[in-house]
Each structure stands twice: as structure tokens, then as C-alpha cells.
Amino acid sequence: MGFSIALIVFSLLMMLLVLMHKGKGGGLSDMFGGGMQSSVGGSSVAERNLDRITIVIGLLWFACIIVLGLLMKSNG
């Protein structure tokens, strides 16, 4: 039960974080000041931190799926 709730929370966080990333044409991150570039061709500190947070949440999301799959297999 706890892993199911964690999966829902991580899924919602992943959707929010992915939408906040700046795409080729700009994203929702522009609304929060992520559109300002600190140097030509480089990404800002906020974008790098957003990337790191997204990767960590993605790994936790993947781990929850693996654990839930193993639990379902053992209970099946």
C-alpha cells in the first residue's frame, strides 16, 4: 500500500518537473524565471538543479515500479 502511494506521488512530481523543463520553444519554466540564460550556450543553475531533481525522482519512480512488481509477483 505504501509503495502504491509513493508511486502516485512520484508520478505527479515527475509530470510537474518535466513540464517545468525548458524545451526547444520554451516551457513552463519560463514562467518561473527559468528562461533567463546566464551565458550563451550554457544552462543556468536553476536548470541544472531541475535536471538533477528530475533524475532523482525518476530513479525513485522506477524503483517503486520494480518493488511493486516484485511484491505482486510474490503475492500472486
N, C-alpha and C. Protein backbone atom coordinates (compact mmCIF):
# COMPACT_ATOMS: atom_id res chain seq x y z
N MET A 1 0.83 -1.20 0.00
CA MET A 1 0.00 0.00 0.00
C MET A 1 0.87 1.26 0.00
N GLY A 2 1.93 1.25 0.80
CA GLY A 2 2.80 2.41 0.89
C GLY A 2 3.52 2.70 -0.42
N PHE A 3 3.92 1.62 -1.13
CA PHE A 3 4.61 1.81 -2.40
C PHE A 3 3.66 2.33 -3.48
N SER A 4 2.38 1.96 -3.38
CA SER A 4 1.40 2.47 -4.34
C SER A 4 1.21 3.97 -4.18
N ILE A 5 1.14 4.40 -2.93
CA ILE A 5 1.00 5.84 -2.66
C ILE A 5 2.25 6.58 -3.10
N ALA A 6 3.42 6.00 -2.83
CA ALA A 6 4.68 6.61 -3.25
C ALA A 6 4.75 6.71 -4.77
N LEU A 7 4.26 5.69 -5.47
CA LEU A 7 4.27 5.71 -6.93
C LEU A 7 3.38 6.84 -7.46
N ILE A 8 2.22 7.04 -6.85
CA ILE A 8 1.33 8.12 -7.27
C ILE A 8 1.99 9.47 -7.03
N VAL A 9 2.62 9.65 -5.87
CA VAL A 9 3.28 10.92 -5.55
C VAL A 9 4.44 11.17 -6.51
N PHE A 10 5.27 10.15 -6.75
CA PHE A 10 6.40 10.31 -7.66
C PHE A 10 5.94 10.57 -9.09
N SER A 11 4.82 9.95 -9.49
CA SER A 11 4.29 10.19 -10.83
C SER A 11 3.84 11.63 -11.00
N LEU A 12 3.16 12.15 -10.00
CA LEU A 12 2.72 13.55 -10.06
C LEU A 12 3.90 14.51 -10.07
N LEU A 13 4.91 14.21 -9.25
CA LEU A 13 6.12 15.03 -9.23
C LEU A 13 6.84 14.99 -10.57
N MET A 14 6.90 13.81 -11.19
CA MET A 14 7.57 13.69 -12.48
C MET A 14 6.85 14.52 -13.53
N MET A 15 5.53 14.49 -13.54
CA MET A 15 4.78 15.29 -14.51
C MET A 15 5.07 16.78 -14.31
N LEU A 16 5.06 17.22 -13.07
CA LEU A 16 5.33 18.62 -12.78
C LEU A 16 6.74 19.02 -13.19
N LEU A 17 7.72 18.19 -12.85
CA LEU A 17 9.11 18.51 -13.17
C LEU A 17 9.38 18.51 -14.67
N VAL A 18 8.79 17.57 -15.39
CA VAL A 18 9.00 17.53 -16.83
C VAL A 18 8.37 18.75 -17.49
N LEU A 19 7.21 19.16 -17.01
CA LEU A 19 6.56 20.35 -17.57
C LEU A 19 7.35 21.63 -17.27
N MET A 20 8.10 21.64 -16.19
CA MET A 20 8.87 22.82 -15.84
C MET A 20 10.14 22.97 -16.66
N HIS A 21 10.59 21.89 -17.31
CA HIS A 21 11.80 21.96 -18.12
C HIS A 21 11.59 22.85 -19.33
N LYS A 22 12.67 23.47 -19.73
CA LYS A 22 12.62 24.32 -20.91
C LYS A 22 12.84 23.46 -22.13
N GLY A 23 11.91 23.51 -23.04
CA GLY A 23 12.04 22.77 -24.28
C GLY A 23 12.67 23.64 -25.35
N LYS A 24 12.58 23.19 -26.58
CA LYS A 24 13.16 23.94 -27.69
C LYS A 24 12.47 25.30 -27.85
N GLY A 25 11.18 25.33 -27.63
CA GLY A 25 10.43 26.57 -27.79
C GLY A 25 10.12 27.24 -26.47
N GLY A 26 10.74 26.82 -25.39
CA GLY A 26 10.44 27.36 -24.07
C GLY A 26 9.36 26.51 -23.42
N GLY A 27 9.35 26.46 -22.13
CA GLY A 27 8.37 25.65 -21.42
C GLY A 27 7.77 26.42 -20.27
N LEU A 28 7.18 25.69 -19.38
CA LEU A 28 6.60 26.32 -18.21
C LEU A 28 7.67 26.91 -17.30
N SER A 29 8.92 26.48 -17.51
CA SER A 29 9.99 27.03 -16.69
C SER A 29 10.18 28.52 -16.96
N ASP A 30 9.76 28.99 -18.14
CA ASP A 30 9.84 30.42 -18.44
C ASP A 30 8.99 31.25 -17.49
N MET A 31 7.89 30.68 -17.04
CA MET A 31 7.01 31.41 -16.13
C MET A 31 7.67 31.64 -14.77
N PHE A 32 8.59 30.77 -14.39
CA PHE A 32 9.23 30.85 -13.08
C PHE A 32 10.65 31.40 -13.16
N GLY A 33 10.98 32.06 -14.25
CA GLY A 33 12.31 32.66 -14.37
C GLY A 33 13.35 31.73 -14.93
N GLY A 34 12.99 30.55 -15.37
CA GLY A 34 13.95 29.62 -15.92
C GLY A 34 14.38 29.97 -17.33
N GLY A 35 13.70 30.92 -17.96
CA GLY A 35 14.02 31.29 -19.32
C GLY A 35 15.22 32.19 -19.45
N MET A 36 15.69 32.76 -18.36
CA MET A 36 16.84 33.65 -18.42
C MET A 36 18.12 32.82 -18.49
N GLN A 37 18.90 33.06 -19.51
CA GLN A 37 20.16 32.34 -19.67
C GLN A 37 21.29 33.15 -19.05
N SER A 38 22.13 32.49 -18.26
CA SER A 38 23.23 33.20 -17.62
C SER A 38 24.39 33.42 -18.58
N SER A 39 24.56 32.53 -19.56
CA SER A 39 25.61 32.71 -20.56
C SER A 39 25.14 32.09 -21.86
N VAL A 40 25.81 32.43 -22.95
CA VAL A 40 25.42 31.91 -24.25
C VAL A 40 25.76 30.43 -24.33
N GLY A 41 24.77 29.61 -24.64
CA GLY A 41 25.00 28.18 -24.80
C GLY A 41 25.05 27.39 -23.50
N GLY A 42 25.12 28.05 -22.36
CA GLY A 42 25.17 27.34 -21.09
C GLY A 42 23.82 27.33 -20.42
N SER A 43 23.61 26.38 -19.55
CA SER A 43 22.34 26.34 -18.83
C SER A 43 22.53 26.97 -17.45
N SER A 44 21.46 27.52 -16.95
CA SER A 44 21.54 28.20 -15.66
C SER A 44 21.61 27.19 -14.52
N VAL A 45 21.92 27.69 -13.36
CA VAL A 45 22.00 26.83 -12.17
C VAL A 45 20.63 26.23 -11.88
N ALA A 46 19.58 27.01 -12.09
CA ALA A 46 18.23 26.51 -11.83
C ALA A 46 17.89 25.34 -12.75
N GLU A 47 18.27 25.44 -14.02
CA GLU A 47 18.01 24.35 -14.96
C GLU A 47 18.80 23.09 -14.59
N ARG A 48 20.07 23.28 -14.19
CA ARG A 48 20.88 22.12 -13.79
C ARG A 48 20.30 21.45 -12.55
N ASN A 49 19.87 22.25 -11.58
CA ASN A 49 19.26 21.68 -10.38
C ASN A 49 17.94 20.99 -10.71
N LEU A 50 17.17 21.57 -11.62
CA LEU A 50 15.92 20.94 -12.04
C LEU A 50 16.20 19.60 -12.72
N ASP A 51 17.26 19.54 -13.52
CA ASP A 51 17.65 18.28 -14.15
C ASP A 51 18.02 17.23 -13.10
N ARG A 52 18.79 17.63 -12.11
CA ARG A 52 19.21 16.69 -11.06
C ARG A 52 18.01 16.17 -10.26
N ILE A 53 17.11 17.07 -9.91
CA ILE A 53 15.93 16.66 -9.14
C ILE A 53 15.07 15.72 -9.96
N THR A 54 14.92 16.01 -11.25
CA THR A 54 14.12 15.16 -12.12
C THR A 54 14.72 13.76 -12.24
N ILE A 55 16.04 13.68 -12.33
CA ILE A 55 16.70 12.37 -12.42
C ILE A 55 16.50 11.57 -11.14
N VAL A 56 16.63 12.22 -9.99
CA VAL A 56 16.46 11.51 -8.70
C VAL A 56 15.02 11.03 -8.56
N ILE A 57 14.05 11.88 -8.87
CA ILE A 57 12.65 11.47 -8.76
C ILE A 57 12.34 10.35 -9.76
N GLY A 58 12.93 10.43 -10.95
CA GLY A 58 12.75 9.37 -11.94
C GLY A 58 13.30 8.04 -11.47
N LEU A 59 14.45 8.06 -10.83
CA LEU A 59 15.02 6.82 -10.30
C LEU A 59 14.17 6.25 -9.17
N LEU A 60 13.66 7.12 -8.31
CA LEU A 60 12.77 6.66 -7.23
C LEU A 60 11.48 6.10 -7.80
N TRP A 61 10.95 6.73 -8.85
CA TRP A 61 9.74 6.26 -9.52
C TRP A 61 9.96 4.86 -10.11
N PHE A 62 11.11 4.69 -10.77
CA PHE A 62 11.46 3.40 -11.35
C PHE A 62 11.62 2.33 -10.27
N ALA A 63 12.26 2.69 -9.15
CA ALA A 63 12.45 1.74 -8.05
C ALA A 63 11.09 1.30 -7.47
N CYS A 64 10.16 2.25 -7.35
CA CYS A 64 8.82 1.90 -6.85
C CYS A 64 8.13 0.90 -7.77
N ILE A 65 8.28 1.11 -9.08
CA ILE A 65 7.66 0.18 -10.03
C ILE A 65 8.26 -1.21 -9.90
N ILE A 66 9.58 -1.29 -9.75
CA ILE A 66 10.25 -2.59 -9.60
C ILE A 66 9.78 -3.28 -8.31
N VAL A 67 9.73 -2.54 -7.22
CA VAL A 67 9.32 -3.12 -5.93
C VAL A 67 7.87 -3.58 -6.00
N LEU A 68 7.00 -2.76 -6.58
CA LEU A 68 5.59 -3.17 -6.70
C LEU A 68 5.45 -4.41 -7.58
N GLY A 69 6.24 -4.49 -8.65
CA GLY A 69 6.20 -5.67 -9.50
C GLY A 69 6.65 -6.92 -8.76
N LEU A 70 7.70 -6.80 -7.98
CA LEU A 70 8.18 -7.94 -7.19
C LEU A 70 7.18 -8.35 -6.12
N LEU A 71 6.55 -7.36 -5.48
CA LEU A 71 5.54 -7.68 -4.47
C LEU A 71 4.33 -8.38 -5.09
N MET A 72 3.90 -7.92 -6.26
CA MET A 72 2.76 -8.55 -6.92
C MET A 72 3.10 -9.96 -7.38
N LYS A 73 4.34 -10.15 -7.80
CA LYS A 73 4.76 -11.48 -8.25
C LYS A 73 4.82 -12.45 -7.07
N SER A 74 5.31 -12.00 -5.93
CA SER A 74 5.42 -12.88 -4.78
C SER A 74 4.07 -13.15 -4.13
N ASN A 75 3.13 -12.21 -4.22
CA ASN A 75 1.81 -12.41 -3.65
C ASN A 75 0.88 -13.14 -4.61
N GLY A 76 1.23 -13.16 -5.89
CA GLY A 76 0.37 -13.71 -6.94
C GLY A 76 0.12 -15.15 -6.81
